[in-house]
């Protein structure tokens, strides 16, 4: 989401300027609980889905192997940093 945290972001190739998205970043910063933050983020993602800057044509699911011996959690941005992994 932070790739589009500002209208003049380098990743805002289409010059999208929906205030329902960009004005909510201040609301996230002012949120006082995780539940409030989640509600705001969900509303923002709905705006992005309904009227976003890009066509949503492809979804790449992530698949990870699992083991009870490995202590590791996948990141929401799909990057894999193994220095965070360890053995239990």
Protein backbone atom coordinates (compact mmCIF):
# COMPACT_ATOMS: atom_id res chain seq x y z
CA UNK A 1 0.00 0.00 0.00
CA UNK A 2 2.81 2.40 0.78
CA UNK A 3 3.85 2.41 -2.87
CA UNK A 4 0.92 4.82 -3.25
CA UNK A 5 1.20 6.78 -0.01
CA UNK A 6 1.36 10.11 -1.85
CA UNK A 7 -0.05 11.43 -5.10
CA UNK A 8 3.45 12.34 -6.27
CA UNK A 9 4.88 8.88 -5.44
CA UNK A 10 7.21 7.55 -8.10
CA UNK A 11 5.05 4.44 -8.42
CA UNK A 12 1.87 6.44 -9.12
CA UNK A 13 2.32 6.05 -12.87
CA UNK A 14 -1.31 6.91 -13.67
CA UNK A 15 -1.38 10.05 -11.48
CA UNK A 16 -4.29 8.60 -9.51
CA UNK A 17 -5.54 11.13 -6.94
CA UNK A 18 -8.57 9.65 -5.19
CA UNK A 19 -8.97 11.46 -1.83
CA UNK A 20 -10.72 8.39 -0.38
CA UNK A 21 -7.29 6.74 -0.57
CA UNK A 22 -4.77 9.51 -0.01
CA UNK A 23 -6.63 11.32 2.80
CA UNK A 24 -6.85 8.14 4.87
CA UNK A 25 -3.10 7.87 5.51
CA UNK A 26 -3.45 10.50 8.25
CA UNK A 27 -6.29 8.44 9.75
CA UNK A 28 -4.03 5.40 9.91
CA UNK A 29 -1.36 7.42 11.71
CA UNK A 30 -3.94 8.69 14.22
CA UNK A 31 -5.54 5.28 14.86
CA UNK A 32 -5.38 4.23 18.49
CA UNK A 33 -5.93 0.49 18.14
CA UNK A 34 -5.13 -2.34 15.79
CA UNK A 35 -8.84 -2.84 15.14
CA UNK A 36 -9.27 0.80 14.10
CA UNK A 37 -6.24 0.56 11.83
CA UNK A 38 -7.57 -2.63 10.25
CA UNK A 39 -10.95 -0.99 9.57
CA UNK A 40 -9.31 1.98 7.83
CA UNK A 41 -7.01 -0.26 5.80
CA UNK A 42 -9.94 -2.45 4.74
CA UNK A 43 -11.86 0.63 3.59
CA UNK A 44 -8.83 1.89 1.66
CA UNK A 45 -8.31 -1.47 -0.02
CA UNK A 46 -11.95 -1.52 -1.07
CA UNK A 47 -11.45 1.88 -2.76
CA UNK A 48 -8.31 0.56 -4.43
CA UNK A 49 -10.17 -2.52 -5.63
CA UNK A 50 -13.28 -0.64 -6.84
CA UNK A 51 -11.59 2.39 -8.42
CA UNK A 52 -7.86 1.81 -8.34
CA UNK A 53 -5.10 3.18 -10.53
CA UNK A 54 -4.35 -0.09 -12.29
CA UNK A 55 -6.24 -2.90 -13.93
CA UNK A 56 -6.29 -5.93 -11.67
CA UNK A 57 -5.77 -8.73 -14.15
CA UNK A 58 -3.46 -11.15 -12.40
CA UNK A 59 -3.08 -12.55 -8.91
CA UNK A 60 0.00 -14.55 -7.94
CA UNK A 61 -0.66 -16.74 -4.92
CA UNK A 62 2.26 -17.47 -2.64
CA UNK A 63 3.13 -21.01 -1.72
CA UNK A 64 5.52 -21.85 1.11
CA UNK A 65 6.78 -25.12 2.46
CA UNK A 66 6.19 -25.69 6.15
CA UNK A 67 8.00 -27.55 8.90
CA UNK A 68 7.51 -27.80 12.64
CA UNK A 69 11.28 -27.40 12.99
CA UNK A 70 11.51 -24.00 11.28
CA UNK A 71 10.63 -20.70 12.97
CA UNK A 72 9.66 -18.34 10.13
CA UNK A 73 6.67 -16.24 9.08
CA UNK A 74 6.00 -15.01 5.52
CA UNK A 75 5.95 -11.25 4.96
CA UNK A 76 2.83 -9.52 3.59
CA UNK A 77 4.92 -7.96 0.80
CA UNK A 78 5.98 -11.44 -0.39
CA UNK A 79 9.71 -10.81 0.13
CA UNK A 80 11.58 -13.73 1.61
CA UNK A 81 14.34 -12.82 4.07
CA UNK A 82 15.89 -15.96 5.46
CA UNK A 83 17.94 -14.13 8.08
CA UNK A 84 14.65 -13.95 10.01
CA UNK A 85 14.32 -17.73 9.91
CA UNK A 86 15.64 -20.07 12.53
CA UNK A 87 15.36 -23.57 13.90
CA UNK A 88 13.07 -24.32 16.82
